[in-house]
Amino acid sequence: MKLKVILSLVICAIFLIFSFYNVSWSELSRGLSNYNLIYTFFAIFLFLLIHSLRSLRLKLLLNKMCKIEFREAFGLNAVGLFAVVLFPWRLGEFVRMYYLSEKKNVKIISTVGIVFIERICDTTSIYILFLSLMIFGDMSERLIPIINISIGKIFWLSTYLVILLLIIFALIIILEKKL
């Protein structure tokens, strides 16, 4: 156990040395002196709020399949988020699916469905945010300079994608009931 801790500290020190190798400490201290910490605390608060709401959503989705406490759902989301950041191709979703199927004896197709429902909820909330920006932010005819597409076209494209996702979701529900 002590060897693992020492090895972890050594690896951490090596990465810190590489991270701060060519840092101008005077510029860093000048930049940090102008920084307002309230933004950091607000971001941490928002992150914890969103993470708690996602954990509550997961707990409610799993309510019929298995018994999971909020604390366990919070940890499961944290591990999934860590794996999403650590591995490419959003493998954190697969880590969550594996945990649920192995530890909670939930069918793998049900875990795929839960992840799919969560993606639909996330896409819908982004869509609603985008729609509110379109309506209240007067952005319908502005262009995105990188791709030279009007935001109105992106709005309609996202509308079609959400409708397509809902159709696919309905088909999955119908097929699951027949099996």
Foldseek 3Di string as FASTA:
>chain_A
DVVVVVVVVVVVVVVVCVVCVPDDVVVVVVVVVPDDCVVVVVVVVVVVVVLLVQLVLLCVLCVVPFHDDSVRSSVLSVQLVVCPVVDDPSCSLVVSLVCCCPVGVGDSVSSVLSVLVVVLVVLVVVLVVLVCCVVVVVQQADADVVVGDGSVVVNVVSVVVSVVSVVVSVVVVVVVVVD
